[in-house]
Each structure stands twice: as C-alpha cells, then as structure tokens.
C-alpha cells in the first residue's frame, strides 16, 4: 500500500467511526425533542446526583492521566461546574405586546453539538458544556483531548447512565473510543453536526472555525494582572498569588503575567512573599529557570506544564526551605516567560514607569487574544479605562482571576470562554437558536 492509499484508508476509517457515533447522536436528539421542560430539569438533576459522589475520583483520575494541576483544586472546579452552571432559568422566553399583536421570543435547539475539550480542564468543561447544551435541547458529542481520553469516557458513561435511567434515552451524550485530530475533524465537519463548540488552543480551533456551521471558539490566552500605585497592595498580592497558583496555573483565566508600577513594586514584592511566593530577581536564578522552563525552540517546556512550584524549582536546581505555591520572576517585557503563555505557577513581573506605561505594556503582553485581564487600583477612572483599552472577554477589577469562573466570588460558572467568536463566558443561551414567533 502506497502513502496515498494509506491516507485514503485512514480517512475512510475515520469517516466510518464518525458516522456511527453521529448517527447515534442524531437518533438521541430526535427522541429528546419530545421531552418536556420539566423532563429536561429531571435529566439535569439526575446528572448532578450521579456525578457528585464521584467528584474525588474524577479529580484523581484527571490529575493522574493528564499529569497536570492538583487534585484538590480539580475537585473545587468539578463542584463549581455541578453547582453553579446556569440551567433552564436562562432560557426563559420573553414577549413583546402591541395593538397589532404579540411577538414571542423563544429558544430552540440546534441539534447535534460537537464539543471539544482541553487537556487542562477536561471534566469540569465537559460537565459545564453538557448541562448547558442539554438544557437548550441538544445532543452532545464530546471530543476529548488524547491526554484525558480515559477520564472523559468514564465521566460520559456516568452522565449517559443517569440520563437513560430517568428518560430512557441512550446516547444523548457520547464520546469517541479514541481521540485523534483527524477523527475530530471528521466529526466537526459532518453535515449532521449542527454546531461546534471548541475549547482550547492550537490547530483544532482553526479547523473548527473553517467549518461551514455555527461555531463557538474559545482559544489561546495570556492573562495579565496590572497593579498601579493606588492599589491595596496586600489585597492585590493575595488575589494574584491565589489565582496564579490555583491548579498550578493551568486554568485559562489564571494570572500568567504581572505588570506593576515601579513606585510601589518593591512593597508589592514583599507582600507577594508573605503569600507563599518565591521571588526571583537574581540574574543567575532567572537563567536557571529559563533553561528549565523554555526549550531550545523558545517554547514552553511541556514536561513542566501544570507541575507544582516546588517541582519547577527542583528542575531549575534552585534550593528553597520555605513552602512555595508560586514563583514570580522579574523580567523585561520581551522575555519568553512574558511572550509565551506559561501553563505553570511561574509568573513574570514587569515594572512600568506609570499607569499609562503599565496599560500599554499589559496590552502588548495580552497579544490581542482578548481573553482575560485583571487590574488592582482604587481609581474608578483607571478601572474603567483599562477595561475599555484591554477589551478582554473577562476583566476582573480588584479580585482574583478565579472569581471570574465563579469561585470565591459572585456570578455563574463558565469554562468555555469564547474570546475568538466573541460570546465570552457561554451559557445555555449560546447553545440555542433564537426564534421569533
């Protein structure tokens, strides 16, 4: 068999696998169309009841399979997805009345949704997506990352068992027995798939955007935290260290960079040290960390992605006796730690001359992803101006990045942040068509 024949054979196999799973999903959607509003509520409740007891197990499985993050924080995210994901309450129809009649605006399903999941947050994203998509009346095909295939299959099997038990519908949520880019492409492009929701980064997002159908795309990020001279420095240090160390900083909204006005930088650094931060300003130690965390191609060393601060310091041959949850390294704004999204509890700190320089530097660092930024300031004028300039999907004022997910703060839970297509943190509303009657 020559290379062309082999490629065609592989495509035929993928198409066959994709068609079988999509046919199951189409059939489940047709059955689900007959389920009432109260029936959907019963299904969502059953899913939550089924998943809650296995949260600790899911967190351990995810940590073991992906090799990233920490189990305790993964449990927090899973519970957040179960408890604070918006449901049917966000799909309430509204009416407009006039002398000429009544117009009703209501929501209807798309059909079969293909949802890709990132290795950094597979289970919480799946739960969050599935609840919203089912609330909107859809069936779901979950495309897991190869690094989280086993735990994703385990989670989906429990979700499906719960749905089947209360409704008799099988395969309302399905996943593939194997994960590969080529197979994901076949599923996303299949004519019976009505919507693609892509969470993550890389070429899979580009492939999703090329599909001739409704696409919600949550892509790359490089979140930056700004601290000006008016900020409550103690509060800022606590919030930033909490957000950047949470789950070893693989969360997409986590503070990956800090820009601080020079006037208060030294005081701010001392506050960081009070919050379990190992601060590096020594040139030799900065070089050690750079060699450990950046490879020869000037990309992140993926073997350290999601590892603890202690493991990263050990890899860099840097000794410390203190308990460390986060490493902060003082660098220029052109250092690879700044320009690359480092998925680890290693965060660069860049000094700025003043507020204007801080804002300009932050805009450069964020790279136009329009994903996430945070600011610490007591000036309302500056808070508002920074939000307008950064134009990110998530913008946190005087708080931790994890509050944007609904943790330790108000608001609902959301794990698909559609910075590319502009929906921001998505809910069931984004998974439904709007119908005017």
Protein backbone atom coordinates (compact mmCIF):
# COMPACT_ATOMS: atom_id res chain seq x y z
CA UNK A 1 0.00 0.00 0.00
CA UNK A 2 1.48 3.36 -1.02
CA UNK A 3 1.21 6.56 1.06
CA UNK A 4 -1.81 7.89 -0.85
CA UNK A 5 -3.70 4.63 -0.40
CA UNK A 6 -2.80 4.59 3.31
CA UNK A 7 -4.06 8.17 3.76
CA UNK A 8 -7.31 7.40 1.95
CA UNK A 9 -7.78 4.24 4.02
CA UNK A 10 -7.28 6.20 7.24
CA UNK A 11 -9.82 8.81 6.09
CA UNK A 12 -12.35 6.09 5.27
CA UNK A 13 -11.90 4.51 8.72
CA UNK A 14 -12.31 7.86 10.46
CA UNK A 15 -15.40 8.68 8.40
CA UNK A 16 -16.93 5.32 9.29
CA UNK A 17 -16.25 5.83 13.02
CA UNK A 18 -17.57 9.39 12.90
CA UNK A 19 -20.73 8.40 11.01
CA UNK A 20 -21.60 5.67 13.52
CA UNK A 21 -21.32 7.92 16.57
CA UNK A 22 -23.12 10.80 14.84
CA UNK A 23 -25.98 8.52 13.84
CA UNK A 24 -26.40 7.55 17.49
CA UNK A 25 -26.37 11.20 18.49
CA UNK A 26 -28.93 12.15 15.81
CA UNK A 27 -31.29 9.41 16.99
CA UNK A 28 -30.93 10.55 20.62
CA UNK A 29 -31.68 14.15 19.61
CA UNK A 30 -34.88 13.09 17.84
CA UNK A 31 -36.06 11.27 20.94
CA UNK A 32 -35.05 14.20 23.16
CA UNK A 33 -37.17 16.63 21.13
CA UNK A 34 -40.26 15.05 22.74
CA UNK A 35 -39.02 15.71 26.29
CA UNK A 36 -40.82 18.50 28.15
CA UNK A 37 -39.31 21.40 30.08
CA UNK A 38 -39.82 19.55 33.36
CA UNK A 39 -38.31 16.43 31.78
CA UNK A 40 -35.15 18.36 30.97
CA UNK A 41 -34.98 19.58 34.57
CA UNK A 42 -35.27 16.00 35.78
CA UNK A 43 -32.41 14.92 33.50
CA UNK A 44 -30.12 17.73 34.68
CA UNK A 45 -30.86 16.87 38.32
CA UNK A 46 -30.10 13.21 37.63
CA UNK A 47 -26.74 14.10 36.06
CA UNK A 48 -25.75 16.19 39.07
CA UNK A 49 -26.79 13.48 41.51
CA UNK A 50 -24.82 10.87 39.58
CA UNK A 51 -21.62 12.90 39.27
CA UNK A 52 -21.44 14.41 42.77
CA UNK A 53 -20.36 11.18 44.55
CA UNK A 54 -17.54 10.51 42.06
CA UNK A 55 -16.04 14.05 42.11
CA UNK A 56 -12.99 12.98 44.20
CA UNK A 57 -12.41 10.00 41.90
CA UNK A 58 -12.70 12.15 38.76
CA UNK A 59 -10.23 14.68 40.17
CA UNK A 60 -7.68 11.94 40.91
CA UNK A 61 -8.15 10.29 37.53
CA UNK A 62 -7.76 13.59 35.71
CA UNK A 63 -4.63 14.50 37.65
CA UNK A 64 -3.10 11.06 37.03
CA UNK A 65 -3.93 10.90 33.31
CA UNK A 66 -3.02 14.47 32.31
CA UNK A 67 -0.13 14.88 34.76
CA UNK A 68 -1.17 18.50 35.32
CA UNK A 69 -2.66 20.51 38.17
CA UNK A 70 -3.50 19.36 41.68
CA UNK A 71 -6.31 17.11 42.84
CA UNK A 72 -7.72 19.43 45.50
CA UNK A 73 -8.24 22.32 43.07
CA UNK A 74 -9.68 20.00 40.46
CA UNK A 75 -12.31 18.92 42.97
CA UNK A 76 -13.21 22.58 43.52
CA UNK A 77 -13.70 23.11 39.80
CA UNK A 78 -15.83 19.99 39.41
CA UNK A 79 -18.08 21.03 42.29
CA UNK A 80 -18.30 24.52 40.82
CA UNK A 81 -19.41 23.11 37.45
CA UNK A 82 -22.08 20.99 39.13
CA UNK A 83 -23.38 23.68 41.45
CA UNK A 84 -23.12 26.95 39.52
CA UNK A 85 -23.55 26.15 35.84
CA UNK A 86 -26.61 28.08 34.59
CA UNK A 87 -29.53 25.90 33.56
CA UNK A 88 -33.03 26.27 32.18
CA UNK A 89 -33.55 29.53 34.10
CA UNK A 90 -31.53 31.41 31.47
CA UNK A 91 -33.81 30.20 28.67
CA UNK A 92 -36.99 31.97 29.78
CA UNK A 93 -38.94 33.24 26.73
CA UNK A 94 -39.89 36.92 26.57
CA UNK A 95 -42.83 38.61 24.91
CA UNK A 96 -43.46 41.97 23.26
CA UNK A 97 -47.06 43.24 23.03
CA UNK A 98 -48.65 45.95 20.91
CA UNK A 99 -52.06 46.80 19.46
CA UNK A 100 -51.14 44.77 16.39
CA UNK A 101 -50.42 41.54 18.23
CA UNK A 102 -47.97 39.63 20.40
CA UNK A 103 -44.40 38.68 19.48
CA UNK A 104 -42.78 35.85 21.42
CA UNK A 105 -39.01 35.37 21.52
CA UNK A 106 -38.11 31.82 22.49
CA UNK A 107 -35.19 29.40 22.37
CA UNK A 108 -34.89 26.23 20.31
CA UNK A 109 -32.24 23.56 19.91
CA UNK A 110 -29.54 23.43 17.26
CA UNK A 111 -29.41 19.63 17.15
CA UNK A 112 -26.18 17.67 17.46
CA UNK A 113 -23.34 19.67 19.05
CA UNK A 114 -19.69 18.64 18.81
CA UNK A 115 -17.81 19.90 21.89
CA UNK A 116 -14.01 19.64 22.05
CA UNK A 117 -12.38 19.67 25.47
CA UNK A 118 -8.90 20.80 26.60
CA UNK A 119 -6.45 18.59 28.49
CA UNK A 120 -6.02 21.34 31.09
CA UNK A 121 -9.64 21.19 32.24
CA UNK A 122 -11.47 18.26 30.63
CA UNK A 123 -14.01 17.14 33.22
CA UNK A 124 -15.27 20.50 34.54
CA UNK A 125 -15.56 21.80 30.97
CA UNK A 126 -17.49 18.70 29.91
CA UNK A 127 -19.93 18.99 32.82
CA UNK A 128 -20.36 22.72 32.25
CA UNK A 129 -20.92 22.28 28.49
CA UNK A 130 -23.20 19.26 28.78
CA UNK A 131 -25.55 20.91 31.28
CA UNK A 132 -25.92 24.00 29.09
CA UNK A 133 -26.26 22.06 25.84
CA UNK A 134 -28.84 19.62 27.20
CA UNK A 135 -30.80 22.48 28.76
CA UNK A 136 -31.00 24.02 25.30
CA UNK A 137 -32.39 20.76 23.90
CA UNK A 138 -29.35 19.38 22.08
CA UNK A 139 -27.50 16.09 21.98
CA UNK A 140 -23.74 16.23 22.55
CA UNK A 141 -20.65 14.56 21.11
CA UNK A 142 -17.69 15.13 23.43
CA UNK A 143 -14.28 15.19 21.73
CA UNK A 144 -11.71 14.67 24.47
CA UNK A 145 -8.03 15.54 24.31
CA UNK A 146 -5.81 12.44 23.88
CA UNK A 147 -4.26 13.17 27.29
CA UNK A 148 -7.66 12.93 29.01
CA UNK A 149 -9.40 10.24 26.99
CA UNK A 150 -9.93 7.69 29.77
CA UNK A 151 -11.31 10.06 32.38
CA UNK A 152 -13.55 11.68 29.75
CA UNK A 153 -15.02 8.31 28.77
CA UNK A 154 -15.58 7.47 32.42
CA UNK A 155 -17.37 10.77 33.05
CA UNK A 156 -19.56 10.50 29.93
CA UNK A 157 -20.54 6.92 30.80
CA UNK A 158 -21.90 8.13 34.15
CA UNK A 159 -23.70 11.05 32.52
CA UNK A 160 -25.34 8.76 29.97
CA UNK A 161 -26.36 6.20 32.56
CA UNK A 162 -28.09 8.93 34.58
CA UNK A 163 -29.92 10.25 31.51
CA UNK A 164 -31.02 6.79 30.41
CA UNK A 165 -32.29 5.93 33.89
CA UNK A 166 -34.74 8.85 34.04
CA UNK A 167 -35.68 9.29 30.37
CA UNK A 168 -34.97 6.01 28.58
CA UNK A 169 -32.85 7.90 26.04
CA UNK A 170 -29.46 6.41 25.26
CA UNK A 171 -26.51 8.29 23.73
CA UNK A 172 -27.73 11.83 24.43
CA UNK A 173 -24.12 12.49 25.39
CA UNK A 174 -21.46 10.39 23.67
CA UNK A 175 -17.71 10.41 23.27
CA UNK A 176 -15.26 8.70 20.97
CA UNK A 177 -13.48 5.47 21.87
CA UNK A 178 -10.28 7.03 20.58
CA UNK A 179 -9.00 10.60 20.31
CA UNK A 180 -7.15 11.96 17.30
CA UNK A 181 -7.03 15.20 15.35
CA UNK A 182 -8.13 13.58 12.10
CA UNK A 183 -11.14 11.90 13.73
CA UNK A 184 -12.15 15.15 15.43
CA UNK A 185 -12.01 16.89 12.04
CA UNK A 186 -14.37 14.29 10.55
CA UNK A 187 -16.90 14.77 13.36
CA UNK A 188 -16.76 18.58 13.28
CA UNK A 189 -17.23 18.71 9.54
CA UNK A 190 -20.02 16.13 9.31
CA UNK A 191 -23.25 17.59 7.84
CA UNK A 192 -25.38 16.18 10.66
CA UNK A 193 -23.42 18.15 13.27
CA UNK A 194 -25.19 21.49 13.66
CA UNK A 195 -22.76 23.31 15.97
CA UNK A 196 -19.13 23.07 17.01
CA UNK A 197 -18.02 24.35 20.43
CA UNK A 198 -14.23 24.31 20.58
CA UNK A 199 -12.47 24.95 23.89
CA UNK A 200 -8.69 25.02 23.89
CA UNK A 201 -5.99 26.20 21.54
CA UNK A 202 -3.86 25.19 18.61
CA UNK A 203 -4.82 23.94 15.20
CA UNK A 204 -8.07 22.30 16.35
CA UNK A 205 -9.56 25.76 16.88
CA UNK A 206 -8.52 26.76 13.37
CA UNK A 207 -10.13 23.64 11.99
CA UNK A 208 -13.33 24.34 13.90
CA UNK A 209 -13.51 27.88 12.51
CA UNK A 210 -13.27 26.51 8.99
CA UNK A 211 -16.49 24.50 9.43
CA UNK A 212 -19.47 25.86 7.49
CA UNK A 213 -21.76 25.90 10.53
CA UNK A 214 -22.31 27.68 13.84
CA UNK A 215 -19.01 27.74 15.76
CA UNK A 216 -18.20 28.93 19.27
CA UNK A 217 -14.44 29.14 19.70
CA UNK A 218 -12.50 29.59 22.94
CA UNK A 219 -8.86 29.99 22.03
CA UNK A 220 -5.47 30.95 23.38
CA UNK A 221 -4.85 33.38 26.23
CA UNK A 222 -2.04 35.17 28.02
CA UNK A 223 -3.78 36.80 31.01
CA UNK A 224 -2.08 39.81 32.58
CA UNK A 225 -2.54 41.34 36.03
CA UNK A 226 -1.98 45.08 36.47
CA UNK A 227 -1.12 46.79 39.76
CA UNK A 228 -0.93 50.58 39.98
CA UNK A 229 0.33 52.85 42.77
CA UNK A 230 -3.16 53.38 44.24
CA UNK A 231 -3.86 49.66 44.75
CA UNK A 232 -4.36 47.91 48.06
CA UNK A 233 -1.06 46.04 47.68
CA UNK A 234 -1.76 43.45 50.36
CA UNK A 235 -5.08 42.55 48.75
CA UNK A 236 -3.56 42.57 45.27
CA UNK A 237 -0.75 40.22 46.30
CA UNK A 238 -3.17 37.81 47.97
CA UNK A 239 -5.53 37.76 44.97
CA UNK A 240 -2.81 37.35 42.36
CA UNK A 241 -0.96 34.62 44.26
CA UNK A 242 -4.24 32.73 44.78
CA UNK A 243 -5.28 32.96 41.14
CA UNK A 244 -1.87 32.20 39.62
CA UNK A 245 -1.24 29.20 41.87
CA UNK A 246 -4.73 27.68 41.58
CA UNK A 247 -4.48 24.24 39.94
CA UNK A 248 -0.82 25.05 39.20
CA UNK A 249 -1.92 27.85 36.85
CA UNK A 250 -3.28 25.75 34.00
CA UNK A 251 -6.66 27.50 34.26
CA UNK A 252 -7.12 29.68 31.18
CA UNK A 253 -8.01 32.80 33.21
CA UNK A 254 -5.14 32.45 35.70
CA UNK A 255 -2.73 35.36 36.03
CA UNK A 256 0.17 34.48 33.74
CA UNK A 257 1.90 37.91 33.95
CA UNK A 258 2.15 40.83 36.37
CA UNK A 259 2.77 44.46 35.42
CA UNK A 260 3.31 46.79 38.39
CA UNK A 261 4.08 50.49 38.61
CA UNK A 262 7.71 50.85 39.74
CA UNK A 263 6.87 53.28 42.53
CA UNK A 264 5.21 50.50 44.55
CA UNK A 265 6.94 47.45 43.06
CA UNK A 266 9.26 46.73 45.98
CA UNK A 267 6.47 46.94 48.56
CA UNK A 268 4.27 44.77 46.35
CA UNK A 269 7.03 42.15 46.05
CA UNK A 270 7.27 41.95 49.85
CA UNK A 271 3.53 41.39 50.00
CA UNK A 272 3.87 38.58 47.45
CA UNK A 273 6.49 36.91 49.64
CA UNK A 274 4.00 36.96 52.52
CA UNK A 275 1.66 34.90 50.33
CA UNK A 276 3.87 31.88 49.64
CA UNK A 277 5.68 33.36 46.63
CA UNK A 278 9.32 32.59 45.81
CA UNK A 279 10.55 35.81 44.22
CA UNK A 280 13.46 35.74 41.77
CA UNK A 281 15.39 38.88 40.81
CA UNK A 282 18.86 37.30 40.72
CA UNK A 283 20.11 37.07 37.14
CA UNK A 284 21.65 33.60 37.57
CA UNK A 285 18.46 32.13 39.03
CA UNK A 286 16.42 33.70 36.24
CA UNK A 287 18.69 31.97 33.70
CA UNK A 288 18.30 28.65 35.52
CA UNK A 289 14.51 28.93 35.41
CA UNK A 290 14.61 29.96 31.77
CA UNK A 291 16.71 26.93 30.81
CA UNK A 292 14.39 24.63 32.75
CA UNK A 293 11.05 26.05 31.57
CA UNK A 294 11.85 27.11 27.99
CA UNK A 295 13.09 24.64 25.36
CA UNK A 296 15.55 25.19 22.53
CA UNK A 297 12.73 26.27 20.21
CA UNK A 298 11.81 29.09 22.63
CA UNK A 299 8.59 27.32 23.56
CA UNK A 300 7.30 26.21 26.95
CA UNK A 301 8.81 23.00 28.28
CA UNK A 302 5.63 20.92 28.27
CA UNK A 303 7.05 18.40 30.72
CA UNK A 304 6.72 21.11 33.39
CA UNK A 305 3.22 22.26 32.37
CA UNK A 306 0.89 22.05 35.34
CA UNK A 307 3.65 20.98 37.74
CA UNK A 308 3.98 22.50 41.21
CA UNK A 309 6.25 25.43 42.05
CA UNK A 310 8.41 23.04 44.10
CA UNK A 311 8.90 20.72 41.12
CA UNK A 312 9.81 23.64 38.84
CA UNK A 313 12.40 24.98 41.30
CA UNK A 314 13.87 21.49 41.60
CA UNK A 315 14.11 21.21 37.80
CA UNK A 316 15.97 24.54 37.77
CA UNK A 317 18.27 23.38 40.59
CA UNK A 318 17.16 26.21 42.88
CA UNK A 319 17.01 25.43 46.59
CA UNK A 320 14.41 26.80 49.00
CA UNK A 321 13.38 25.78 52.50
CA UNK A 322 10.08 27.63 52.52
CA UNK A 323 6.75 26.26 51.35
CA UNK A 324 6.21 27.75 47.89
CA UNK A 325 2.99 27.86 45.89
CA UNK A 326 4.07 30.33 43.20
CA UNK A 327 7.29 31.56 41.57
CA UNK A 328 7.47 35.19 40.45
CA UNK A 329 10.44 36.21 38.28
CA UNK A 330 11.36 39.80 37.49
CA UNK A 331 11.95 40.07 33.71
CA UNK A 332 11.84 42.56 30.83
CA UNK A 333 8.61 42.52 28.81
CA UNK A 334 10.31 40.72 25.90
CA UNK A 335 11.37 37.67 27.94
CA UNK A 336 9.87 34.31 26.81
CA UNK A 337 8.13 33.98 30.19
CA UNK A 338 6.13 37.06 29.17
CA UNK A 339 5.52 36.41 25.50
CA UNK A 340 4.59 32.72 25.92
CA UNK A 341 1.57 31.55 27.92
CA UNK A 342 3.30 29.58 30.67
CA UNK A 343 0.91 26.93 31.95
CA UNK A 344 2.64 26.65 35.30
CA UNK A 345 2.91 28.52 38.62
CA UNK A 346 5.77 30.58 37.25
CA UNK A 347 4.81 34.19 36.56
CA UNK A 348 6.98 37.05 35.24
CA UNK A 349 6.83 40.50 36.85
CA UNK A 350 7.45 43.54 34.66
CA UNK A 351 7.94 47.04 36.09
CA UNK A 352 6.22 50.03 34.47
CA UNK A 353 7.01 53.73 34.79
CA UNK A 354 3.42 54.82 35.46
CA UNK A 355 -0.21 53.91 34.79
CA UNK A 356 -0.01 54.70 31.08
CA UNK A 357 3.12 52.60 30.66
CA UNK A 358 1.52 49.80 32.69
CA UNK A 359 -1.55 49.79 30.44
CA UNK A 360 0.49 49.87 27.24
CA UNK A 361 2.70 47.02 28.48
CA UNK A 362 -0.33 44.94 29.51
CA UNK A 363 -1.89 45.42 26.08
CA UNK A 364 1.36 44.21 24.45
CA UNK A 365 1.53 41.17 26.74
CA UNK A 366 -2.09 40.10 26.17
CA UNK A 367 -1.29 39.72 22.45
CA UNK A 368 -4.75 40.75 21.31
CA UNK A 369 -6.29 37.44 22.39
CA UNK A 370 -8.97 39.44 24.23
CA UNK A 371 -9.30 36.66 26.76
CA UNK A 372 -8.59 37.76 30.36
CA UNK A 373 -7.04 40.65 32.25
CA UNK A 374 -7.15 41.81 35.86
CA UNK A 375 -6.39 45.15 37.48
CA UNK A 376 -5.79 46.35 41.03
CA UNK A 377 -6.43 50.04 41.52
CA UNK A 378 -8.55 52.33 43.68
CA UNK A 379 -9.17 54.77 40.84
CA UNK A 380 -12.57 54.25 39.22
CA UNK A 381 -11.43 56.23 36.19
CA UNK A 382 -8.45 53.91 35.72
CA UNK A 383 -10.52 50.77 36.29
CA UNK A 384 -12.95 51.79 33.56
CA UNK A 385 -10.27 52.97 31.16
CA UNK A 386 -8.26 49.78 31.49
CA UNK A 387 -11.37 47.70 30.75
CA UNK A 388 -12.06 49.75 27.62
CA UNK A 389 -8.48 49.52 26.38
CA UNK A 390 -7.93 45.81 27.07
CA UNK A 391 -11.30 44.70 25.57
CA UNK A 392 -10.99 41.22 27.06
CA UNK A 393 -13.83 38.72 27.44
CA UNK A 394 -13.06 38.52 31.16
CA UNK A 395 -11.94 41.60 33.09
CA UNK A 396 -11.54 41.38 36.86
CA UNK A 397 -11.32 44.53 38.99
CA UNK A 398 -9.68 44.22 42.42
CA UNK A 399 -10.14 40.49 42.65
CA UNK A 400 -8.59 37.14 41.81
CA UNK A 401 -8.81 35.61 38.35
CA UNK A 402 -10.61 32.56 39.73
CA UNK A 403 -13.54 34.77 40.76
CA UNK A 404 -14.22 35.07 37.02
CA UNK A 405 -15.04 31.35 36.99
CA UNK A 406 -17.48 31.76 39.87
CA UNK A 407 -15.01 30.56 42.52
CA UNK A 408 -14.69 32.74 45.62
CA UNK A 409 -16.92 35.33 44.03
CA UNK A 410 -20.28 36.07 42.51
CA UNK A 411 -21.58 35.06 39.12
CA UNK A 412 -22.12 31.73 37.46
CA UNK A 413 -19.64 29.05 36.44
CA UNK A 414 -18.27 29.06 32.92
CA UNK A 415 -15.38 27.05 31.48
CA UNK A 416 -15.73 27.89 27.80
CA UNK A 417 -14.63 31.49 27.32
CA UNK A 418 -15.27 32.31 23.68
CA UNK A 419 -12.73 35.05 23.11
CA UNK A 420 -12.36 34.29 19.39
CA UNK A 421 -16.02 34.33 18.36
CA UNK A 422 -16.95 36.92 20.99
CA UNK A 423 -19.59 35.27 23.18
CA UNK A 424 -17.44 35.49 26.30
CA UNK A 425 -18.34 33.02 29.06
CA UNK A 426 -21.02 30.90 27.41
CA UNK A 427 -24.27 29.55 28.87
CA UNK A 428 -27.25 27.55 27.61
CA UNK A 429 -28.39 30.68 25.76
CA UNK A 430 -25.41 30.39 23.44
CA UNK A 431 -26.29 26.77 22.65
CA UNK A 432 -29.81 27.64 21.50
CA UNK A 433 -31.27 29.29 18.45
CA UNK A 434 -33.36 32.40 18.92
CA UNK A 435 -36.82 32.11 17.42
CA UNK A 436 -39.26 34.99 16.91
CA UNK A 437 -42.91 33.94 16.87
